[in-house]
N, C-alpha and C. Protein backbone atom coordinates (compact mmCIF):
# COMPACT_ATOMS: atom_id res chain seq x y z
N MET A 1 -10.33 -11.32 -18.30
CA MET A 1 -11.26 -10.41 -18.96
C MET A 1 -11.32 -9.10 -18.17
N ARG A 2 -11.31 -8.02 -18.88
CA ARG A 2 -11.35 -6.71 -18.23
C ARG A 2 -12.71 -6.43 -17.64
N ASP A 3 -12.71 -5.68 -16.56
CA ASP A 3 -13.93 -5.31 -15.87
C ASP A 3 -14.56 -4.14 -16.62
N LYS A 4 -15.69 -4.37 -17.27
CA LYS A 4 -16.32 -3.35 -18.11
C LYS A 4 -16.70 -2.11 -17.31
N LEU A 5 -17.24 -2.29 -16.12
CA LEU A 5 -17.64 -1.15 -15.29
C LEU A 5 -16.42 -0.30 -14.93
N PHE A 6 -15.31 -0.95 -14.58
CA PHE A 6 -14.09 -0.23 -14.25
C PHE A 6 -13.61 0.58 -15.46
N ASP A 7 -13.57 -0.06 -16.62
CA ASP A 7 -13.12 0.63 -17.83
C ASP A 7 -14.02 1.82 -18.17
N GLU A 8 -15.33 1.63 -17.99
CA GLU A 8 -16.27 2.72 -18.26
C GLU A 8 -16.05 3.88 -17.29
N LEU A 9 -15.78 3.55 -16.02
CA LEU A 9 -15.50 4.58 -15.02
C LEU A 9 -14.25 5.36 -15.41
N VAL A 10 -13.17 4.67 -15.73
CA VAL A 10 -11.93 5.34 -16.11
C VAL A 10 -12.15 6.21 -17.34
N GLU A 11 -12.84 5.66 -18.34
CA GLU A 11 -13.07 6.42 -19.57
C GLU A 11 -13.91 7.67 -19.31
N SER A 12 -14.96 7.55 -18.51
CA SER A 12 -15.81 8.72 -18.25
C SER A 12 -15.06 9.78 -17.46
N ILE A 13 -14.22 9.35 -16.52
CA ILE A 13 -13.43 10.30 -15.75
C ILE A 13 -12.43 11.01 -16.65
N GLN A 14 -11.77 10.26 -17.51
CA GLN A 14 -10.80 10.87 -18.42
C GLN A 14 -11.48 11.84 -19.38
N GLU A 15 -12.64 11.45 -19.90
CA GLU A 15 -13.35 12.32 -20.84
C GLU A 15 -13.83 13.59 -20.16
N SER A 16 -14.14 13.50 -18.86
CA SER A 16 -14.62 14.69 -18.15
C SER A 16 -13.49 15.67 -17.85
N GLY A 17 -12.25 15.20 -18.01
CA GLY A 17 -11.11 16.05 -17.70
C GLY A 17 -10.75 16.05 -16.23
N ALA A 18 -11.43 15.22 -15.43
CA ALA A 18 -11.16 15.17 -13.99
C ALA A 18 -9.75 14.64 -13.71
N ILE A 19 -9.27 13.72 -14.54
CA ILE A 19 -7.88 13.28 -14.44
C ILE A 19 -7.31 13.18 -15.84
N ARG A 20 -6.01 13.25 -15.92
CA ARG A 20 -5.34 13.12 -17.22
C ARG A 20 -5.10 11.65 -17.49
N ARG A 21 -5.07 11.28 -18.74
CA ARG A 21 -4.79 9.89 -19.11
C ARG A 21 -3.44 9.45 -18.56
N ASP A 22 -2.44 10.35 -18.53
CA ASP A 22 -1.13 9.95 -18.05
C ASP A 22 -1.03 9.86 -16.54
N THR A 23 -2.09 10.25 -15.83
CA THR A 23 -2.10 10.08 -14.38
C THR A 23 -2.13 8.59 -14.04
N LEU A 24 -2.91 7.84 -14.80
CA LEU A 24 -2.90 6.39 -14.65
C LEU A 24 -1.70 5.89 -15.45
N MET A 25 -0.87 5.06 -14.83
CA MET A 25 0.42 4.72 -15.41
C MET A 25 0.28 4.15 -16.81
N ASN A 26 -0.38 3.05 -16.93
CA ASN A 26 -0.56 2.38 -18.20
C ASN A 26 -1.49 1.20 -17.97
N GLU A 27 -1.46 0.28 -18.87
CA GLU A 27 -2.31 -0.89 -18.72
C GLU A 27 -1.51 -2.05 -18.18
N CYS A 28 -2.14 -2.85 -17.35
CA CYS A 28 -1.50 -4.04 -16.80
C CYS A 28 -1.18 -4.99 -17.95
N VAL A 29 0.04 -5.48 -17.99
CA VAL A 29 0.42 -6.40 -19.06
C VAL A 29 -0.23 -7.76 -18.87
N GLY A 30 -0.76 -8.02 -17.68
CA GLY A 30 -1.42 -9.29 -17.42
C GLY A 30 -2.86 -9.34 -17.87
N CYS A 31 -3.58 -8.20 -17.73
CA CYS A 31 -5.01 -8.24 -18.02
C CYS A 31 -5.50 -7.03 -18.82
N GLY A 32 -4.68 -6.03 -18.98
CA GLY A 32 -5.08 -4.86 -19.76
C GLY A 32 -5.80 -3.78 -18.99
N ARG A 33 -6.04 -3.97 -17.70
CA ARG A 33 -6.72 -2.94 -16.90
C ARG A 33 -5.73 -1.81 -16.59
N TYR A 34 -6.27 -0.63 -16.38
CA TYR A 34 -5.42 0.49 -16.00
C TYR A 34 -4.87 0.29 -14.61
N ILE A 35 -3.61 0.65 -14.42
CA ILE A 35 -2.98 0.53 -13.12
C ILE A 35 -2.52 1.89 -12.63
N LEU A 36 -2.35 2.00 -11.32
CA LEU A 36 -1.87 3.23 -10.71
C LEU A 36 -0.40 3.07 -10.33
N ASN A 37 0.39 4.07 -10.65
CA ASN A 37 1.80 4.10 -10.29
C ASN A 37 2.00 4.17 -8.79
N PRO A 38 3.13 3.67 -8.31
CA PRO A 38 3.52 4.04 -6.95
C PRO A 38 3.68 5.56 -6.92
N GLU A 39 3.49 6.15 -5.76
CA GLU A 39 3.59 7.61 -5.62
C GLU A 39 4.63 7.97 -4.58
N GLY A 40 5.04 9.20 -4.61
CA GLY A 40 6.00 9.71 -3.65
C GLY A 40 7.41 9.61 -4.19
N PRO A 41 8.34 10.21 -3.48
CA PRO A 41 9.72 10.22 -3.95
C PRO A 41 10.28 8.80 -4.09
N PRO A 42 10.82 8.46 -5.26
CA PRO A 42 11.39 7.12 -5.45
C PRO A 42 12.49 6.80 -4.45
N GLU A 43 13.17 7.83 -3.96
CA GLU A 43 14.28 7.61 -3.02
C GLU A 43 13.83 7.67 -1.54
N ALA A 44 12.53 7.75 -1.30
CA ALA A 44 12.02 7.86 0.07
C ALA A 44 12.50 6.70 0.93
N ASP A 45 12.79 7.00 2.18
CA ASP A 45 13.22 5.95 3.12
C ASP A 45 12.07 5.02 3.48
N ILE A 46 10.84 5.54 3.52
CA ILE A 46 9.68 4.77 3.95
C ILE A 46 8.82 4.40 2.74
N LEU A 47 8.52 3.11 2.62
CA LEU A 47 7.58 2.61 1.62
C LEU A 47 6.35 2.11 2.35
N ILE A 48 5.18 2.61 1.96
CA ILE A 48 3.91 2.15 2.52
C ILE A 48 3.25 1.27 1.47
N VAL A 49 2.94 0.03 1.85
CA VAL A 49 2.32 -0.93 0.92
C VAL A 49 0.92 -1.24 1.41
N GLY A 50 -0.09 -0.84 0.64
CA GLY A 50 -1.47 -1.17 0.93
C GLY A 50 -1.89 -2.41 0.18
N GLU A 51 -3.20 -2.59 0.05
CA GLU A 51 -3.71 -3.81 -0.59
C GLU A 51 -4.13 -3.61 -2.04
N ALA A 52 -5.08 -2.72 -2.28
CA ALA A 52 -5.55 -2.48 -3.65
C ALA A 52 -6.14 -1.08 -3.72
N PRO A 53 -6.07 -0.44 -4.89
CA PRO A 53 -6.66 0.89 -4.99
C PRO A 53 -8.18 0.83 -4.82
N SER A 54 -8.71 1.85 -4.16
CA SER A 54 -10.16 1.95 -3.98
C SER A 54 -10.79 2.61 -5.20
N GLN A 55 -12.11 2.64 -5.20
CA GLN A 55 -12.81 3.33 -6.30
C GLN A 55 -12.46 4.81 -6.30
N TYR A 56 -12.19 5.38 -5.13
CA TYR A 56 -11.83 6.79 -5.03
C TYR A 56 -10.42 7.03 -5.60
N ASP A 57 -9.52 6.08 -5.34
CA ASP A 57 -8.17 6.18 -5.89
C ASP A 57 -8.24 6.16 -7.41
N ILE A 58 -9.02 5.25 -7.95
CA ILE A 58 -9.15 5.13 -9.40
C ILE A 58 -9.74 6.42 -9.98
N LYS A 59 -10.77 6.92 -9.34
CA LYS A 59 -11.43 8.14 -9.84
C LYS A 59 -10.47 9.32 -9.84
N ASP A 60 -9.66 9.44 -8.79
CA ASP A 60 -8.75 10.57 -8.66
C ASP A 60 -7.41 10.33 -9.34
N GLY A 61 -7.09 9.07 -9.60
CA GLY A 61 -5.81 8.75 -10.22
C GLY A 61 -4.65 8.79 -9.25
N ARG A 62 -4.94 8.74 -7.95
CA ARG A 62 -3.91 8.76 -6.91
C ARG A 62 -4.27 7.76 -5.82
N LEU A 63 -3.29 7.38 -5.03
CA LEU A 63 -3.50 6.40 -3.97
C LEU A 63 -3.91 7.05 -2.66
N TRP A 64 -4.64 6.31 -1.84
CA TRP A 64 -5.09 6.72 -0.51
C TRP A 64 -5.86 8.04 -0.54
N ILE A 65 -6.88 8.06 -1.36
CA ILE A 65 -7.78 9.20 -1.49
C ILE A 65 -9.03 8.91 -0.66
N GLY A 66 -9.68 9.92 -0.19
CA GLY A 66 -10.91 9.73 0.56
C GLY A 66 -10.67 9.71 2.06
N ASP A 67 -11.69 9.31 2.80
CA ASP A 67 -11.66 9.37 4.26
C ASP A 67 -10.51 8.57 4.87
N PHE A 68 -10.26 7.37 4.35
CA PHE A 68 -9.22 6.55 4.96
C PHE A 68 -7.83 7.09 4.63
N GLY A 69 -7.66 7.65 3.47
CA GLY A 69 -6.40 8.31 3.14
C GLY A 69 -6.17 9.53 4.02
N ASP A 70 -7.24 10.31 4.23
CA ASP A 70 -7.14 11.47 5.12
C ASP A 70 -6.77 11.02 6.53
N LEU A 71 -7.39 9.95 6.99
CA LEU A 71 -7.10 9.42 8.32
C LEU A 71 -5.64 8.96 8.41
N LEU A 72 -5.18 8.23 7.40
CA LEU A 72 -3.80 7.75 7.40
C LEU A 72 -2.82 8.93 7.46
N ARG A 73 -3.03 9.92 6.62
CA ARG A 73 -2.13 11.09 6.61
C ARG A 73 -2.15 11.81 7.95
N ALA A 74 -3.34 11.98 8.52
CA ALA A 74 -3.46 12.68 9.81
C ALA A 74 -2.76 11.90 10.92
N GLU A 75 -2.96 10.59 10.96
CA GLU A 75 -2.36 9.78 12.02
C GLU A 75 -0.84 9.69 11.84
N LEU A 76 -0.36 9.61 10.62
CA LEU A 76 1.08 9.64 10.38
C LEU A 76 1.66 10.98 10.86
N ARG A 77 0.96 12.06 10.51
CA ARG A 77 1.42 13.41 10.89
C ARG A 77 1.52 13.54 12.42
N LYS A 78 0.57 12.96 13.14
CA LYS A 78 0.61 13.00 14.61
C LYS A 78 1.87 12.33 15.16
N GLN A 79 2.42 11.41 14.38
CA GLN A 79 3.63 10.70 14.79
C GLN A 79 4.89 11.33 14.18
N GLY A 80 4.72 12.47 13.51
CA GLY A 80 5.87 13.16 12.93
C GLY A 80 6.32 12.62 11.59
N ILE A 81 5.46 11.83 10.94
CA ILE A 81 5.78 11.24 9.64
C ILE A 81 4.96 11.96 8.58
N ILE A 82 5.61 12.51 7.59
CA ILE A 82 4.93 13.26 6.54
C ILE A 82 4.65 12.33 5.36
N TYR A 83 3.37 12.13 5.07
CA TYR A 83 2.94 11.20 4.02
C TYR A 83 3.61 11.50 2.68
N LYS A 84 3.68 12.76 2.29
CA LYS A 84 4.22 13.09 0.97
C LYS A 84 5.71 12.79 0.85
N ASN A 85 6.38 12.53 1.98
CA ASN A 85 7.78 12.15 1.96
C ASN A 85 7.98 10.64 1.90
N CYS A 86 6.87 9.91 1.88
CA CYS A 86 6.90 8.45 1.80
C CYS A 86 6.62 8.00 0.37
N ARG A 87 7.09 6.83 0.02
CA ARG A 87 6.73 6.18 -1.24
C ARG A 87 5.53 5.30 -0.91
N VAL A 88 4.53 5.25 -1.78
CA VAL A 88 3.29 4.53 -1.51
C VAL A 88 2.93 3.68 -2.72
N THR A 89 2.53 2.44 -2.46
CA THR A 89 2.06 1.56 -3.52
C THR A 89 1.06 0.57 -2.92
N ASN A 90 0.57 -0.33 -3.75
CA ASN A 90 -0.36 -1.38 -3.33
C ASN A 90 0.11 -2.72 -3.86
N MET A 91 -0.35 -3.79 -3.20
CA MET A 91 -0.09 -5.14 -3.71
C MET A 91 -0.71 -5.30 -5.10
N TRP A 92 -1.94 -4.86 -5.20
CA TRP A 92 -2.64 -4.85 -6.49
C TRP A 92 -2.49 -3.45 -7.05
N LEU A 93 -2.05 -3.32 -8.27
CA LEU A 93 -1.87 -2.01 -8.88
C LEU A 93 -3.16 -1.52 -9.55
N HIS A 94 -4.16 -2.36 -9.57
CA HIS A 94 -5.51 -2.01 -10.01
C HIS A 94 -6.47 -2.79 -9.12
N PRO A 95 -7.78 -2.52 -9.18
CA PRO A 95 -8.70 -3.32 -8.36
C PRO A 95 -8.49 -4.81 -8.60
N LYS A 96 -8.71 -5.61 -7.57
CA LYS A 96 -8.49 -7.05 -7.65
C LYS A 96 -9.24 -7.64 -8.84
N ASP A 97 -8.59 -8.59 -9.49
CA ASP A 97 -9.15 -9.23 -10.67
C ASP A 97 -8.65 -10.67 -10.70
N LYS A 98 -9.57 -11.62 -10.58
CA LYS A 98 -9.19 -13.03 -10.56
C LYS A 98 -8.50 -13.49 -11.84
N GLU A 99 -8.73 -12.77 -12.93
CA GLU A 99 -8.17 -13.17 -14.22
C GLU A 99 -6.72 -12.72 -14.41
N CYS A 100 -6.27 -11.82 -13.54
CA CYS A 100 -4.93 -11.25 -13.70
C CYS A 100 -3.91 -12.08 -12.93
N ASP A 101 -2.71 -12.25 -13.50
CA ASP A 101 -1.63 -12.96 -12.83
C ASP A 101 -0.98 -12.02 -11.83
N PHE A 102 -1.61 -11.92 -10.69
CA PHE A 102 -1.24 -11.02 -9.61
C PHE A 102 0.23 -11.13 -9.23
N GLU A 103 0.71 -12.35 -9.04
CA GLU A 103 2.08 -12.52 -8.58
C GLU A 103 3.09 -12.12 -9.64
N LYS A 104 2.81 -12.41 -10.86
CA LYS A 104 3.77 -12.11 -11.93
C LYS A 104 3.87 -10.62 -12.21
N PHE A 105 2.75 -9.93 -12.23
CA PHE A 105 2.76 -8.54 -12.67
C PHE A 105 2.69 -7.51 -11.56
N HIS A 106 2.08 -7.84 -10.45
CA HIS A 106 1.90 -6.86 -9.38
C HIS A 106 2.93 -7.03 -8.27
N ILE A 107 3.04 -8.22 -7.74
CA ILE A 107 3.97 -8.47 -6.64
C ILE A 107 5.40 -8.19 -7.07
N ASP A 108 5.72 -8.53 -8.29
CA ASP A 108 7.07 -8.26 -8.82
C ASP A 108 7.41 -6.77 -8.69
N ALA A 109 6.45 -5.91 -9.04
CA ALA A 109 6.67 -4.46 -8.95
C ALA A 109 6.84 -4.03 -7.49
N VAL A 110 6.05 -4.60 -6.59
CA VAL A 110 6.15 -4.24 -5.17
C VAL A 110 7.49 -4.71 -4.60
N LEU A 111 7.92 -5.90 -4.97
CA LEU A 111 9.20 -6.40 -4.47
C LEU A 111 10.36 -5.50 -4.93
N ARG A 112 10.29 -5.01 -6.14
CA ARG A 112 11.31 -4.07 -6.62
C ARG A 112 11.29 -2.80 -5.77
N GLU A 113 10.10 -2.33 -5.41
CA GLU A 113 9.99 -1.14 -4.56
C GLU A 113 10.55 -1.40 -3.16
N MET A 114 10.36 -2.61 -2.64
CA MET A 114 10.81 -2.94 -1.28
C MET A 114 12.33 -3.12 -1.19
N THR A 115 12.93 -3.64 -2.24
CA THR A 115 14.35 -3.96 -2.22
C THR A 115 15.19 -2.72 -1.94
N ASP A 116 16.07 -2.84 -0.97
CA ASP A 116 16.98 -1.76 -0.55
C ASP A 116 16.26 -0.57 0.08
N ARG A 117 15.01 -0.72 0.42
CA ARG A 117 14.26 0.35 1.10
C ARG A 117 14.56 0.23 2.60
N PRO A 118 14.93 1.33 3.26
CA PRO A 118 15.25 1.24 4.70
C PRO A 118 14.07 0.83 5.58
N VAL A 119 12.85 1.26 5.22
CA VAL A 119 11.68 0.98 6.06
C VAL A 119 10.47 0.68 5.17
N VAL A 120 9.75 -0.38 5.52
CA VAL A 120 8.52 -0.74 4.81
C VAL A 120 7.40 -0.87 5.84
N LEU A 121 6.26 -0.25 5.56
CA LEU A 121 5.07 -0.36 6.40
C LEU A 121 4.00 -1.08 5.59
N LEU A 122 3.64 -2.29 6.02
CA LEU A 122 2.60 -3.08 5.36
C LEU A 122 1.27 -2.77 6.02
N LEU A 123 0.29 -2.36 5.22
CA LEU A 123 -1.03 -1.99 5.75
C LEU A 123 -2.09 -2.99 5.29
N GLY A 124 -2.72 -3.63 6.24
CA GLY A 124 -3.85 -4.49 5.92
C GLY A 124 -3.53 -5.97 6.03
N ALA A 125 -4.56 -6.73 6.31
CA ALA A 125 -4.43 -8.17 6.55
C ALA A 125 -3.82 -8.90 5.36
N GLU A 126 -4.25 -8.58 4.16
CA GLU A 126 -3.76 -9.28 2.98
C GLU A 126 -2.28 -9.00 2.74
N ALA A 127 -1.88 -7.74 2.85
CA ALA A 127 -0.47 -7.38 2.63
C ALA A 127 0.42 -8.00 3.70
N VAL A 128 -0.01 -7.92 4.95
CA VAL A 128 0.80 -8.47 6.04
C VAL A 128 0.96 -9.98 5.87
N LYS A 129 -0.13 -10.68 5.61
CA LYS A 129 -0.08 -12.14 5.45
C LYS A 129 0.76 -12.54 4.25
N TYR A 130 0.58 -11.84 3.14
CA TYR A 130 1.28 -12.22 1.92
C TYR A 130 2.79 -12.08 2.07
N PHE A 131 3.24 -10.97 2.65
CA PHE A 131 4.68 -10.72 2.71
C PHE A 131 5.37 -11.31 3.94
N THR A 132 4.61 -11.57 5.03
CA THR A 132 5.26 -12.04 6.25
C THR A 132 4.87 -13.46 6.66
N GLY A 133 3.72 -13.92 6.22
CA GLY A 133 3.22 -15.21 6.66
C GLY A 133 2.44 -15.13 7.96
N TYR A 134 2.44 -13.96 8.59
CA TYR A 134 1.72 -13.76 9.86
C TYR A 134 0.36 -13.12 9.60
N GLY A 135 -0.59 -13.39 10.49
CA GLY A 135 -1.87 -12.70 10.46
C GLY A 135 -1.69 -11.32 11.04
N VAL A 136 -2.39 -10.34 10.49
CA VAL A 136 -2.22 -8.96 10.96
C VAL A 136 -2.58 -8.82 12.43
N SER A 137 -3.54 -9.58 12.91
CA SER A 137 -3.91 -9.47 14.33
C SER A 137 -2.80 -9.99 15.25
N GLU A 138 -1.90 -10.81 14.73
CA GLU A 138 -0.77 -11.31 15.51
C GLU A 138 0.36 -10.29 15.63
N VAL A 139 0.49 -9.42 14.61
CA VAL A 139 1.70 -8.61 14.52
C VAL A 139 1.46 -7.12 14.30
N SER A 140 0.22 -6.66 14.33
CA SER A 140 -0.04 -5.24 14.07
C SER A 140 0.71 -4.38 15.08
N GLY A 141 1.44 -3.41 14.55
CA GLY A 141 2.23 -2.50 15.38
C GLY A 141 3.63 -3.00 15.66
N LEU A 142 3.98 -4.17 15.14
CA LEU A 142 5.28 -4.76 15.42
C LEU A 142 6.21 -4.71 14.20
N ARG A 143 7.48 -4.76 14.52
CA ARG A 143 8.49 -4.94 13.47
C ARG A 143 8.51 -6.43 13.15
N VAL A 144 8.25 -6.79 11.89
CA VAL A 144 8.08 -8.20 11.54
C VAL A 144 9.30 -8.83 10.88
N ASP A 145 10.24 -8.04 10.41
CA ASP A 145 11.42 -8.62 9.76
C ASP A 145 12.33 -9.33 10.76
N THR A 146 12.17 -9.04 12.06
CA THR A 146 13.00 -9.68 13.08
C THR A 146 12.32 -10.89 13.71
N LEU A 147 11.07 -11.15 13.35
CA LEU A 147 10.35 -12.30 13.87
C LEU A 147 10.82 -13.57 13.15
N PRO A 148 10.63 -14.73 13.78
CA PRO A 148 10.99 -15.96 13.09
C PRO A 148 10.25 -16.07 11.76
N PRO A 149 10.97 -16.40 10.69
CA PRO A 149 10.30 -16.51 9.38
C PRO A 149 9.20 -17.56 9.39
N ARG A 150 8.12 -17.21 8.73
CA ARG A 150 7.01 -18.15 8.55
C ARG A 150 6.94 -18.56 7.09
N GLU A 151 6.31 -19.69 6.85
CA GLU A 151 6.13 -20.16 5.48
C GLU A 151 5.43 -19.07 4.66
N GLY A 152 5.94 -18.81 3.49
CA GLY A 152 5.35 -17.82 2.62
C GLY A 152 5.96 -16.44 2.76
N ARG A 153 6.86 -16.26 3.71
CA ARG A 153 7.49 -14.95 3.91
C ARG A 153 8.17 -14.50 2.62
N LEU A 154 7.91 -13.26 2.25
CA LEU A 154 8.41 -12.75 0.98
C LEU A 154 8.94 -11.32 1.19
N ILE A 155 10.04 -11.23 1.90
CA ILE A 155 10.68 -9.94 2.11
C ILE A 155 12.03 -10.00 1.41
N PRO A 156 12.24 -9.15 0.41
CA PRO A 156 13.49 -9.26 -0.36
C PRO A 156 14.74 -8.93 0.46
N ASP A 157 15.84 -9.58 0.11
CA ASP A 157 17.13 -9.25 0.71
C ASP A 157 17.40 -7.77 0.46
N GLY A 158 18.00 -7.13 1.42
CA GLY A 158 18.31 -5.72 1.28
C GLY A 158 17.23 -4.80 1.82
N THR A 159 16.06 -5.37 2.14
CA THR A 159 14.99 -4.56 2.72
C THR A 159 15.34 -4.32 4.19
N GLY A 160 15.14 -3.08 4.65
CA GLY A 160 15.43 -2.75 6.04
C GLY A 160 14.34 -3.23 6.97
N MET A 161 13.92 -2.36 7.86
CA MET A 161 12.88 -2.71 8.83
C MET A 161 11.53 -2.83 8.14
N VAL A 162 10.76 -3.84 8.55
CA VAL A 162 9.41 -4.05 8.00
C VAL A 162 8.43 -4.10 9.16
N PHE A 163 7.41 -3.27 9.07
CA PHE A 163 6.38 -3.18 10.11
C PHE A 163 5.03 -3.58 9.54
N ALA A 164 4.17 -4.08 10.42
CA ALA A 164 2.82 -4.50 10.04
C ALA A 164 1.81 -3.65 10.78
N LEU A 165 0.71 -3.35 10.11
CA LEU A 165 -0.34 -2.56 10.73
C LEU A 165 -1.68 -2.87 10.07
N PHE A 166 -2.73 -2.79 10.88
CA PHE A 166 -4.08 -2.91 10.33
C PHE A 166 -4.28 -1.85 9.26
N ASN A 167 -5.16 -2.11 8.32
CA ASN A 167 -5.57 -1.12 7.33
C ASN A 167 -6.31 0.00 8.07
N PRO A 168 -6.08 1.27 7.72
CA PRO A 168 -6.80 2.36 8.39
C PRO A 168 -8.32 2.23 8.33
N ALA A 169 -8.82 1.43 7.40
CA ALA A 169 -10.27 1.23 7.32
C ALA A 169 -10.81 0.52 8.56
N ILE A 170 -9.91 0.02 9.39
CA ILE A 170 -10.34 -0.67 10.61
C ILE A 170 -11.14 0.25 11.53
N VAL A 171 -10.99 1.55 11.36
CA VAL A 171 -11.75 2.46 12.23
C VAL A 171 -13.25 2.29 12.03
N LEU A 172 -13.65 1.68 10.92
CA LEU A 172 -15.07 1.35 10.75
C LEU A 172 -15.53 0.41 11.85
N HIS A 173 -14.60 -0.34 12.39
CA HIS A 173 -14.91 -1.31 13.44
C HIS A 173 -14.50 -0.78 14.81
N GLU A 174 -14.42 0.54 14.92
CA GLU A 174 -14.13 1.22 16.18
C GLU A 174 -12.79 0.84 16.78
N LYS A 175 -11.76 0.76 15.95
CA LYS A 175 -10.44 0.40 16.43
C LYS A 175 -9.41 1.48 16.12
N LEU A 176 -9.80 2.74 16.23
CA LEU A 176 -8.87 3.84 15.98
C LEU A 176 -7.69 3.76 16.93
N GLY A 177 -7.93 3.35 18.16
CA GLY A 177 -6.84 3.22 19.13
C GLY A 177 -5.77 2.25 18.67
N GLU A 178 -6.16 1.15 18.04
CA GLU A 178 -5.19 0.18 17.53
C GLU A 178 -4.35 0.78 16.42
N LEU A 179 -4.99 1.54 15.55
CA LEU A 179 -4.26 2.20 14.47
C LEU A 179 -3.25 3.19 15.07
N ARG A 180 -3.70 4.01 16.00
CA ARG A 180 -2.81 5.00 16.62
C ARG A 180 -1.66 4.33 17.36
N PHE A 181 -1.96 3.27 18.10
CA PHE A 181 -0.93 2.57 18.85
C PHE A 181 0.12 1.99 17.89
N GLY A 182 -0.35 1.38 16.82
CA GLY A 182 0.57 0.79 15.84
C GLY A 182 1.45 1.84 15.20
N LEU A 183 0.87 2.96 14.83
CA LEU A 183 1.67 4.03 14.22
C LEU A 183 2.63 4.66 15.23
N GLN A 184 2.22 4.72 16.48
CA GLN A 184 3.12 5.23 17.53
C GLN A 184 4.34 4.31 17.65
N LYS A 185 4.14 3.00 17.68
CA LYS A 185 5.24 2.05 17.75
C LYS A 185 6.14 2.15 16.52
N PHE A 186 5.53 2.34 15.36
CA PHE A 186 6.27 2.52 14.11
C PHE A 186 7.16 3.75 14.22
N ALA A 187 6.59 4.87 14.64
CA ALA A 187 7.34 6.12 14.76
C ALA A 187 8.47 6.01 15.79
N GLU A 188 8.22 5.33 16.90
CA GLU A 188 9.25 5.14 17.91
C GLU A 188 10.42 4.35 17.35
N ALA A 189 10.13 3.33 16.57
CA ALA A 189 11.20 2.54 15.97
C ALA A 189 11.99 3.36 14.96
N LEU A 190 11.31 4.24 14.24
CA LEU A 190 12.01 5.09 13.28
C LEU A 190 12.98 6.03 13.97
N ASP A 191 12.62 6.49 15.16
CA ASP A 191 13.51 7.38 15.92
C ASP A 191 14.83 6.69 16.22
N GLY A 192 14.81 5.39 16.34
CA GLY A 192 16.01 4.64 16.68
C GLY A 192 16.93 4.35 15.51
N ILE A 193 16.54 4.70 14.26
CA ILE A 193 17.40 4.38 13.12
C ILE A 193 18.26 5.53 12.65
N ASP A 194 18.10 6.71 13.23
CA ASP A 194 18.89 7.86 12.77
C ASP A 194 20.31 7.80 13.20
């Protein structure tokens, strides 16, 4: 069943002209909710995979909007990584919904994005656990595709380096240093692939 509040929010935003209807990709074939497209150059070397769009993402029709998006872009920039040159998506293409067949409709799209991508950065506990089998606290800041496979690992063949990192929202818990350290390790590893 569709989330009435979400649909009302999208409709009111569209009617206000704040976003265009085509900014939101289309409706999820699993549940009918509006979904957000991956963003950034399709040919980008780096794919950033988050967990789910926030209310701010939905309102703006783009991913990583608001304070945490600003923080992510700023911290990437400090490491010499330009956000707009990255491809960005989420595990959930719309806010989480227990009624939606997440694996069939959302994960399939993310796996297609990951395949043949030279570098993937997984952000957040749910994304890291789902794709690697590891807890984010075990592997944040590390390259995880070279670790021993764990049950549930879901990294497609042809995917290059895969890194894990806490969600930037972790700064709410006073862990900005962990985010910076993880991004520094990510950037150092990228220097080695040229």
